[in-house]
Amino acid sequence: MTDLVQIPSRFPVLGTSVDAVQIPDVIAQMQDWILRRDACHYIAVTGMHGVTEARHDPQLRAALTAANLVVPDGMPLIWLGRRHGFRLARRVYGPELMLRFWQETPSARHFLYGGAPGVADALAHKFSRQFPTHEIAGTFSPPYRTLSPGEDDEISAMINAANPDIVWVGLGTPKQERWMLGHRHKLSVPVLIGVGAAFDFHAGIVRSAPPWMGENGLEWLFRLVQEPRRLWHRYLIRGTEFAALSLLELLKQR
């Protein structure tokens, strides 16, 4: 599904094919798509939650299947990738991927789509000062309701008129994956990438886990303590399901 020559391969996790990539690979692919501007490509940055939720959500499963890249955001996927023989040193953490693209790319034209009201604007203000060679073509925080077809067409037209190289999508899983799947043929943008809570983290709205927790598979615990009412089902129910089914899958592969 991807056309980057250097992509080594993919590995299966509970019905989802995950690309065995690291952050430099993803940045290189994004730069290549921007240079060629021949189609609208999208990247699903997914972890345990996305893979498990896709088993229950046909639209999310379709979105992950159609994605040009499905990158392993989360140590459980990295550990499974290593079991398949891939030398994956670190996870492709969405907020880190976003920051490093801005740091390591000389310039690009960005659109920030998502976040609560005011978050995308706050992030745009911060990044415009931090990365003056980059250009923020626009921001939009969609309302917490289903958009009418007319509203959706207006938003697509607005994004196309801004002519960005990248649309960073901060809607959270599964909304952002569904949105990218539904808009890839409406947008003349080289790259769409779903980065979840990266908007909140980089704008300073929500604290991110210490790096040592993220690199040891403990970010879920940090986030659960912060938002137990919202995240308990994701991590305690879906997390247990992921662990059990992944173990069974590994045993069958043996």
C-alpha atoms as a PDB file:
ATOM      1  CA  MET A   1       0.000   0.000   0.000  1.00  0.00           C
ATOM      2  CA  THR A   2       2.999   2.278   0.406  1.00  0.00           C
ATOM      3  CA  ASP A   3       5.432   3.372  -2.277  1.00  0.00           C
ATOM      4  CA  LEU A   4       8.476   4.167  -0.169  1.00  0.00           C
ATOM      5  CA  VAL A   5      11.322   1.970  -1.436  1.00  0.00           C
ATOM      6  CA  GLN A   6      12.968   1.846   1.988  1.00  0.00           C
ATOM      7  CA  ILE A   7       9.929   0.516   3.872  1.00  0.00           C
ATOM      8  CA  PRO A   8      11.164  -2.917   5.020  1.00  0.00           C
ATOM      9  CA  SER A   9       7.871  -4.762   5.414  1.00  0.00           C
ATOM     10  CA  ARG A  10       4.756  -5.105   7.521  1.00  0.00           C
ATOM     11  CA  PHE A  11       3.712  -7.374  10.334  1.00  0.00           C
ATOM     12  CA  PRO A  12       0.216  -8.496  11.389  1.00  0.00           C
ATOM     13  CA  VAL A  13      -1.337  -7.543  14.725  1.00  0.00           C
ATOM     14  CA  LEU A  14      -4.895  -8.806  15.337  1.00  0.00           C
ATOM     15  CA  GLY A  15      -5.934  -8.337  11.725  1.00  0.00           C
ATOM     16  CA  THR A  16      -4.143  -5.011  11.168  1.00  0.00           C
ATOM     17  CA  SER A  17      -0.979  -4.789   9.073  1.00  0.00           C
ATOM     18  CA  VAL A  18       1.555  -2.494  10.723  1.00  0.00           C
ATOM     19  CA  ASP A  19       4.518  -0.974   8.878  1.00  0.00           C
ATOM     20  CA  ALA A  20       7.890  -1.811  10.412  1.00  0.00           C
ATOM     21  CA  VAL A  21       9.133   1.778  10.391  1.00  0.00           C
ATOM     22  CA  GLN A  22      10.805   4.332  12.622  1.00  0.00           C
ATOM     23  CA  ILE A  23      10.356   8.098  12.755  1.00  0.00           C
ATOM     24  CA  PRO A  24      13.101   8.907  10.179  1.00  0.00           C
ATOM     25  CA  ASP A  25      11.422   6.526   7.695  1.00  0.00           C
ATOM     26  CA  VAL A  26       8.057   8.247   8.138  1.00  0.00           C
ATOM     27  CA  ILE A  27       9.523  11.757   7.775  1.00  0.00           C
ATOM     28  CA  ALA A  28      11.346  10.704   4.594  1.00  0.00           C
ATOM     29  CA  GLN A  29       8.133   9.299   3.125  1.00  0.00           C
ATOM     30  CA  MET A  30       6.186  12.441   3.986  1.00  0.00           C
ATOM     31  CA  GLN A  31       8.823  14.616   2.325  1.00  0.00           C
ATOM     32  CA  ASP A  32       8.704  12.433  -0.781  1.00  0.00           C
ATOM     33  CA  TRP A  33       4.915  12.703  -1.046  1.00  0.00           C
ATOM     34  CA  ILE A  34       5.101  16.478  -0.599  1.00  0.00           C
ATOM     35  CA  LEU A  35       7.729  16.761  -3.306  1.00  0.00           C
ATOM     36  CA  ARG A  36       5.717  14.694  -5.800  1.00  0.00           C
ATOM     37  CA  ARG A  37       2.226  16.042  -4.944  1.00  0.00           C
ATOM     38  CA  ASP A  38       0.657  13.301  -7.066  1.00  0.00           C
ATOM     39  CA  ALA A  39      -2.073  12.135  -4.669  1.00  0.00           C
ATOM     40  CA  CYS A  40      -3.510  12.495  -1.184  1.00  0.00           C
ATOM     41  CA  HIS A  41      -1.884   9.986   1.181  1.00  0.00           C
ATOM     42  CA  TYR A  42      -2.706   9.377   4.807  1.00  0.00           C
ATOM     43  CA  ILE A  43      -0.860   7.977   7.799  1.00  0.00           C
ATOM     44  CA  ALA A  44      -2.518   6.187  10.704  1.00  0.00           C
ATOM     45  CA  VAL A  45      -0.463   6.537  13.867  1.00  0.00           C
ATOM     46  CA  THR A  46      -1.894   3.688  15.887  1.00  0.00           C
ATOM     47  CA  GLY A  47      -1.189   1.580  18.931  1.00  0.00           C
ATOM     48  CA  MET A  48      -2.858  -0.983  21.133  1.00  0.00           C
ATOM     49  CA  HIS A  49      -6.113   0.999  21.300  1.00  0.00           C
ATOM     50  CA  GLY A  50      -6.497   1.478  17.554  1.00  0.00           C
ATOM     51  CA  VAL A  51      -5.673  -2.112  16.656  1.00  0.00           C
ATOM     52  CA  THR A  52      -8.080  -3.533  19.250  1.00  0.00           C
ATOM     53  CA  GLU A  53     -10.856  -1.041  18.479  1.00  0.00           C
ATOM     54  CA  ALA A  54     -10.624  -1.984  14.792  1.00  0.00           C
ATOM     55  CA  ARG A  55     -11.843  -5.468  15.699  1.00  0.00           C
ATOM     56  CA  HIS A  56     -15.144  -3.923  16.817  1.00  0.00           C
ATOM     57  CA  ASP A  57     -15.402  -0.990  14.386  1.00  0.00           C
ATOM     58  CA  PRO A  58     -15.682  -1.880  10.674  1.00  0.00           C
ATOM     59  CA  GLN A  59     -15.087   1.739   9.606  1.00  0.00           C
ATOM     60  CA  LEU A  60     -11.878   1.953  11.609  1.00  0.00           C
ATOM     61  CA  ARG A  61     -10.761  -1.404  10.256  1.00  0.00           C
ATOM     62  CA  ALA A  62     -11.379  -0.145   6.707  1.00  0.00           C
ATOM     63  CA  ALA A  63      -9.477   3.062   7.461  1.00  0.00           C
ATOM     64  CA  LEU A  64      -6.431   1.175   8.751  1.00  0.00           C
ATOM     65  CA  THR A  65      -6.529  -1.187   5.780  1.00  0.00           C
ATOM     66  CA  ALA A  66      -6.625   1.693   3.288  1.00  0.00           C
ATOM     67  CA  ALA A  67      -3.954   3.816   5.002  1.00  0.00           C
ATOM     68  CA  ASN A  68      -0.740   4.405   3.082  1.00  0.00           C
ATOM     69  CA  LEU A  69       1.192   3.886   6.310  1.00  0.00           C
ATOM     70  CA  VAL A  70       0.129   2.344   9.627  1.00  0.00           C
ATOM     71  CA  VAL A  71       2.891   3.216  12.070  1.00  0.00           C
ATOM     72  CA  PRO A  72       3.461   1.633  15.513  1.00  0.00           C
ATOM     73  CA  ASP A  73       2.649   4.274  18.127  1.00  0.00           C
ATOM     74  CA  GLY A  74       3.052   2.251  21.301  1.00  0.00           C
ATOM     75  CA  MET A  75       5.559  -0.169  22.765  1.00  0.00           C
ATOM     76  CA  PRO A  76       3.264  -3.235  22.589  1.00  0.00           C
ATOM     77  CA  LEU A  77       3.331  -2.980  18.785  1.00  0.00           C
ATOM     78  CA  ILE A  78       7.094  -2.474  18.835  1.00  0.00           C
ATOM     79  CA  TRP A  79       7.525  -5.586  20.978  1.00  0.00           C
ATOM     80  CA  LEU A  80       5.366  -7.587  18.583  1.00  0.00           C
ATOM     81  CA  GLY A  81       7.293  -6.226  15.608  1.00  0.00           C
ATOM     82  CA  ARG A  82      10.524  -7.426  17.199  1.00  0.00           C
ATOM     83  CA  ARG A  83       8.964 -10.859  17.643  1.00  0.00           C
ATOM     84  CA  HIS A  84       8.461 -10.858  13.870  1.00  0.00           C
ATOM     85  CA  GLY A  85      12.162 -10.206  13.374  1.00  0.00           C
ATOM     86  CA  PHE A  86      12.179  -6.433  12.782  1.00  0.00           C
ATOM     87  CA  ARG A  87      14.813  -4.277  14.437  1.00  0.00           C
ATOM     88  CA  LEU A  88      12.545  -1.591  15.839  1.00  0.00           C
ATOM     89  CA  ALA A  89      14.361   0.486  18.429  1.00  0.00           C
ATOM     90  CA  ARG A  90      11.594   2.896  19.438  1.00  0.00           C
ATOM     91  CA  ARG A  91       7.903   3.557  18.956  1.00  0.00           C
ATOM     92  CA  VAL A  92       6.663   6.070  16.382  1.00  0.00           C
ATOM     93  CA  TYR A  93       5.058   8.302  18.981  1.00  0.00           C
ATOM     94  CA  GLY A  94       2.618  10.729  17.332  1.00  0.00           C
ATOM     95  CA  PRO A  95       3.567  13.880  19.285  1.00  0.00           C
ATOM     96  CA  GLU A  96       7.281  13.185  18.796  1.00  0.00           C
ATOM     97  CA  LEU A  97       6.799  12.500  15.080  1.00  0.00           C
ATOM     98  CA  MET A  98       4.965  15.812  14.718  1.00  0.00           C
ATOM     99  CA  LEU A  99       7.643  17.788  16.554  1.00  0.00           C
ATOM    100  CA  ARG A 100      10.548  16.149  14.760  1.00  0.00           C
ATOM    101  CA  PHE A 101       9.014  16.798  11.353  1.00  0.00           C
ATOM    102  CA  TRP A 102       8.906  20.522  12.139  1.00  0.00           C
ATOM    103  CA  GLN A 103      12.434  20.397  13.579  1.00  0.00           C
ATOM    104  CA  GLU A 104      14.073  18.356  10.824  1.00  0.00           C
ATOM    105  CA  THR A 105      12.301  19.700   7.726  1.00  0.00           C
ATOM    106  CA  PRO A 106      13.545  23.084   6.447  1.00  0.00           C
ATOM    107  CA  SER A 107      10.054  24.332   5.651  1.00  0.00           C
ATOM    108  CA  ALA A 108       6.533  23.173   4.880  1.00  0.00           C
ATOM    109  CA  ARG A 109       3.015  24.493   4.724  1.00  0.00           C
ATOM    110  CA  HIS A 110       0.758  23.116   7.480  1.00  0.00           C
ATOM    111  CA  PHE A 111      -2.943  22.969   8.343  1.00  0.00           C
ATOM    112  CA  LEU A 112      -4.062  22.034  11.880  1.00  0.00           C
ATOM    113  CA  TYR A 113      -7.444  20.284  11.951  1.00  0.00           C
ATOM    114  CA  GLY A 114      -8.947  19.199  15.258  1.00  0.00           C
ATOM    115  CA  GLY A 115      -8.680  19.787  18.960  1.00  0.00           C
ATOM    116  CA  ALA A 116     -11.078  21.539  21.314  1.00  0.00           C
ATOM    117  CA  PRO A 117     -11.991  25.159  20.495  1.00  0.00           C
ATOM    118  CA  GLY A 118      -8.888  27.327  20.689  1.00  0.00           C
ATOM    119  CA  VAL A 119      -6.353  24.483  20.919  1.00  0.00           C
ATOM    120  CA  ALA A 120      -5.343  24.469  17.244  1.00  0.00           C
ATOM    121  CA  ASP A 121      -5.011  28.264  17.323  1.00  0.00           C
ATOM    122  CA  ALA A 122      -2.857  28.109  20.466  1.00  0.00           C
ATOM    123  CA  LEU A 123      -0.636  25.475  18.864  1.00  0.00           C
ATOM    124  CA  ALA A 124      -0.375  27.512  15.660  1.00  0.00           C
ATOM    125  CA  HIS A 125       0.719  30.555  17.664  1.00  0.00           C
ATOM    126  CA  LYS A 126       3.369  28.553  19.518  1.00  0.00           C
ATOM    127  CA  PHE A 127       4.752  26.727  16.480  1.00  0.00           C
ATOM    128  CA  SER A 128       4.789  29.850  14.279  1.00  0.00           C
ATOM    129  CA  ARG A 129       7.193  31.437  16.761  1.00  0.00           C
ATOM    130  CA  GLN A 130       9.194  28.258  17.351  1.00  0.00           C
ATOM    131  CA  PHE A 131       9.553  27.354  13.652  1.00  0.00           C
ATOM    132  CA  PRO A 132       9.590  30.615  11.655  1.00  0.00           C
ATOM    133  CA  THR A 133      10.613  28.950   8.367  1.00  0.00           C
ATOM    134  CA  HIS A 134       7.398  26.894   8.376  1.00  0.00           C
ATOM    135  CA  GLU A 135       4.041  28.322   7.376  1.00  0.00           C
ATOM    136  CA  ILE A 136       0.702  27.588   9.009  1.00  0.00           C
ATOM    137  CA  ALA A 137      -1.880  27.836   6.250  1.00  0.00           C
ATOM    138  CA  GLY A 138      -4.886  27.518   8.542  1.00  0.00           C
ATOM    139  CA  THR A 139      -6.548  25.934  11.548  1.00  0.00           C
ATOM    140  CA  PHE A 140     -10.001  24.556  12.216  1.00  0.00           C
ATOM    141  CA  SER A 141     -11.565  22.928  15.284  1.00  0.00           C
ATOM    142  CA  PRO A 142     -14.718  21.090  14.158  1.00  0.00           C
ATOM    143  CA  PRO A 143     -17.804  21.146  16.417  1.00  0.00           C
ATOM    144  CA  TYR A 144     -18.664  18.154  18.596  1.00  0.00           C
ATOM    145  CA  ARG A 145     -21.491  17.011  16.343  1.00  0.00           C
ATOM    146  CA  THR A 146     -22.004  15.428  12.956  1.00  0.00           C
ATOM    147  CA  LEU A 147     -21.407  17.930  10.185  1.00  0.00           C
ATOM    148  CA  SER A 148     -23.963  18.311   7.424  1.00  0.00           C
ATOM    149  CA  PRO A 149     -22.784  17.416   3.893  1.00  0.00           C
ATOM    150  CA  GLY A 150     -22.783  21.125   3.035  1.00  0.00           C
ATOM    151  CA  GLU A 151     -20.661  22.019   6.051  1.00  0.00           C
ATOM    152  CA  ASP A 152     -18.249  19.212   5.276  1.00  0.00           C
ATOM    153  CA  ASP A 153     -17.882  20.377   1.674  1.00  0.00           C
ATOM    154  CA  GLU A 154     -17.182  23.914   2.882  1.00  0.00           C
ATOM    155  CA  ILE A 155     -14.444  22.691   5.209  1.00  0.00           C
ATOM    156  CA  SER A 156     -12.862  20.607   2.449  1.00  0.00           C
ATOM    157  CA  ALA A 157     -12.934  23.620   0.135  1.00  0.00           C
ATOM    158  CA  MET A 158     -11.337  25.763   2.859  1.00  0.00           C
ATOM    159  CA  ILE A 159      -8.495  23.274   3.338  1.00  0.00           C
ATOM    160  CA  ASN A 160      -7.914  22.961  -0.412  1.00  0.00           C
ATOM    161  CA  ALA A 161      -7.897  26.764  -0.792  1.00  0.00           C
ATOM    162  CA  ALA A 162      -5.214  26.976   1.920  1.00  0.00           C
ATOM    163  CA  ASN A 163      -3.060  24.638  -0.223  1.00  0.00           C
ATOM    164  CA  PRO A 164      -1.148  22.965   2.622  1.00  0.00           C
ATOM    165  CA  ASP A 165       1.530  20.302   2.272  1.00  0.00           C
ATOM    166  CA  ILE A 166       0.255  18.509   5.384  1.00  0.00           C
ATOM    167  CA  VAL A 167      -2.961  18.378   7.346  1.00  0.00           C
ATOM    168  CA  TRP A 168      -2.276  17.377  10.942  1.00  0.00           C
ATOM    169  CA  VAL A 169      -5.468  15.746  12.244  1.00  0.00           C
ATOM    170  CA  GLY A 170      -6.043  15.841  16.000  1.00  0.00           C
ATOM    171  CA  LEU A 171      -9.437  14.180  16.445  1.00  0.00           C
ATOM    172  CA  GLY A 172      -8.389  11.070  18.348  1.00  0.00           C
ATOM    173  CA  THR A 173      -8.966   7.448  17.379  1.00  0.00           C
ATOM    174  CA  PRO A 174     -11.219   6.363  15.678  1.00  0.00           C
ATOM    175  CA  LYS A 175     -12.527   9.751  14.492  1.00  0.00           C
ATOM    176  CA  GLN A 176      -9.318  10.876  12.842  1.00  0.00           C
ATOM    177  CA  GLU A 177      -8.842   7.640  10.891  1.00  0.00           C
ATOM    178  CA  ARG A 178     -12.450   7.721   9.675  1.00  0.00           C
ATOM    179  CA  TRP A 179     -12.033  11.382   8.705  1.00  0.00           C
ATOM    180  CA  MET A 180      -8.872  10.744   6.700  1.00  0.00           C
ATOM    181  CA  LEU A 181     -10.448   7.778   4.902  1.00  0.00           C
ATOM    182  CA  GLY A 182     -13.527   9.843   4.037  1.00  0.00           C
ATOM    183  CA  HIS A 183     -11.590  12.903   2.852  1.00  0.00           C
ATOM    184  CA  ARG A 184      -8.593  11.513   0.968  1.00  0.00           C
ATOM    185  CA  HIS A 185     -10.478  11.859  -2.330  1.00  0.00           C
ATOM    186  CA  LYS A 186     -11.847  15.313  -1.453  1.00  0.00           C
ATOM    187  CA  LEU A 187      -8.547  16.973  -0.557  1.00  0.00           C
ATOM    188  CA  SER A 188      -5.680  18.000  -2.828  1.00  0.00           C
ATOM    189  CA  VAL A 189      -3.177  17.661   0.012  1.00  0.00           C
ATOM    190  CA  PRO A 190      -0.120  15.385  -0.240  1.00  0.00           C
ATOM    191  CA  VAL A 191      -0.202  14.202   3.390  1.00  0.00           C
ATOM    192  CA  LEU A 192      -2.868  13.689   6.048  1.00  0.00           C
ATOM    193  CA  ILE A 193      -1.654  12.377   9.387  1.00  0.00           C
ATOM    194  CA  GLY A 194      -3.633  11.598  12.523  1.00  0.00           C
ATOM    195  CA  VAL A 195      -1.699  12.518  15.667  1.00  0.00           C
ATOM    196  CA  GLY A 196      -4.382  12.248  18.350  1.00  0.00           C
ATOM    197  CA  ALA A 197      -3.563  14.147  21.526  1.00  0.00           C
ATOM    198  CA  ALA A 198      -0.447  15.801  20.064  1.00  0.00           C
ATOM    199  CA  PHE A 199      -2.320  19.109  19.742  1.00  0.00           C
ATOM    200  CA  ASP A 200      -3.115  19.116  23.471  1.00  0.00           C
ATOM    201  CA  PHE A 201       0.401  18.086  24.470  1.00  0.00           C
ATOM    202  CA  HIS A 202       2.256  20.613  22.315  1.00  0.00           C
ATOM    203  CA  ALA A 203      -0.165  23.433  23.137  1.00  0.00           C
ATOM    204  CA  GLY A 204       0.416  22.775  26.833  1.00  0.00           C
ATOM    205  CA  ILE A 205      -3.215  21.850  27.541  1.00  0.00           C
ATOM    206  CA  VAL A 206      -2.463  18.306  28.758  1.00  0.00           C
ATOM    207  CA  ARG A 207       0.692  16.934  30.353  1.00  0.00           C
ATOM    208  CA  SER A 208       2.422  14.131  28.486  1.00  0.00           C
ATOM    209  CA  ALA A 209       3.967  11.132  30.203  1.00  0.00           C
ATOM    210  CA  PRO A 210       7.665  11.268  31.126  1.00  0.00           C
ATOM    211  CA  PRO A 211       9.786   9.764  28.325  1.00  0.00           C
ATOM    212  CA  TRP A 212      10.893   6.824  30.463  1.00  0.00           C
ATOM    213  CA  MET A 213       7.284   5.746  30.937  1.00  0.00           C
ATOM    214  CA  GLY A 214       6.524   5.968  27.225  1.00  0.00           C
ATOM    215  CA  GLU A 215       9.612   4.014  26.223  1.00  0.00           C
ATOM    216  CA  ASN A 216       8.783   1.235  28.689  1.00  0.00           C
ATOM    217  CA  GLY A 217       5.146   0.798  27.725  1.00  0.00           C
ATOM    218  CA  LEU A 218       3.735   2.679  30.725  1.00  0.00           C
ATOM    219  CA  GLU A 219       2.216   5.768  29.101  1.00  0.00           C
ATOM    220  CA  TRP A 220      -1.224   4.168  29.435  1.00  0.00           C
ATOM    221  CA  LEU A 221      -0.860   4.204  33.230  1.00  0.00           C
ATOM    222  CA  PHE A 222       0.091   7.884  33.275  1.00  0.00           C
ATOM    223  CA  ARG A 223      -2.865   8.834  31.097  1.00  0.00           C
ATOM    224  CA  LEU A 224      -5.273   6.598  33.009  1.00  0.00           C
ATOM    225  CA  VAL A 225      -4.356   8.321  36.286  1.00  0.00           C
ATOM    226  CA  GLN A 226      -4.909  11.704  34.616  1.00  0.00           C
ATOM    227  CA  GLU A 227      -8.273  10.860  33.009  1.00  0.00           C
ATOM    228  CA  PRO A 228      -9.691   7.714  34.670  1.00  0.00           C
ATOM    229  CA  ARG A 229     -13.343   8.307  33.779  1.00  0.00           C
ATOM    230  CA  ARG A 230     -12.623   8.807  30.084  1.00  0.00           C
ATOM    231  CA  LEU A 231      -9.877   6.223  29.597  1.00  0.00           C
ATOM    232  CA  TRP A 232     -10.679   3.319  31.916  1.00  0.00           C
ATOM    233  CA  HIS A 233     -12.477   1.333  29.219  1.00  0.00           C
ATOM    234  CA  ARG A 234      -9.738   1.945  26.654  1.00  0.00           C
ATOM    235  CA  TYR A 235      -6.907   0.733  28.851  1.00  0.00           C
ATOM    236  CA  LEU A 236      -8.473  -1.746  31.279  1.00  0.00           C
ATOM    237  CA  ILE A 237     -11.001  -3.454  28.975  1.00  0.00           C
ATOM    238  CA  ARG A 238      -9.482  -3.028  25.527  1.00  0.00           C
ATOM    239  CA  GLY A 239      -5.946  -3.327  26.936  1.00  0.00           C
ATOM    240  CA  THR A 240      -6.719  -6.682  28.543  1.00  0.00           C
ATOM    241  CA  GLU A 241      -8.360  -7.848  25.313  1.00  0.00           C
ATOM    242  CA  PHE A 242      -5.291  -6.788  23.318  1.00  0.00           C
ATOM    243  CA  ALA A 243      -2.883  -8.615  25.630  1.00  0.00           C
ATOM    244  CA  ALA A 244      -4.888 -11.842  25.619  1.00  0.00           C
ATOM    245  CA  LEU A 245      -5.511 -11.941  21.880  1.00  0.00           C
ATOM    246  CA  SER A 246      -1.927 -10.960  21.018  1.00  0.00           C
ATOM    247  CA  LEU A 247      -0.621 -13.814  23.150  1.00  0.00           C
ATOM    248  CA  LEU A 248      -2.950 -16.264  21.401  1.00  0.00           C
ATOM    249  CA  GLU A 249      -1.853 -14.925  18.018  1.00  0.00           C
ATOM    250  CA  LEU A 250       1.815 -15.402  18.887  1.00  0.00           C
ATOM    251  CA  LEU A 251       1.184 -18.954  20.077  1.00  0.00           C
ATOM    252  CA  LYS A 252      -0.602 -19.796  16.811  1.00  0.00           C
ATOM    253  CA  GLN A 253       2.275 -18.343  14.774  1.00  0.00           C
ATOM    254  CA  ARG A 254       4.679 -20.633  16.589  1.00  0.00           C
END
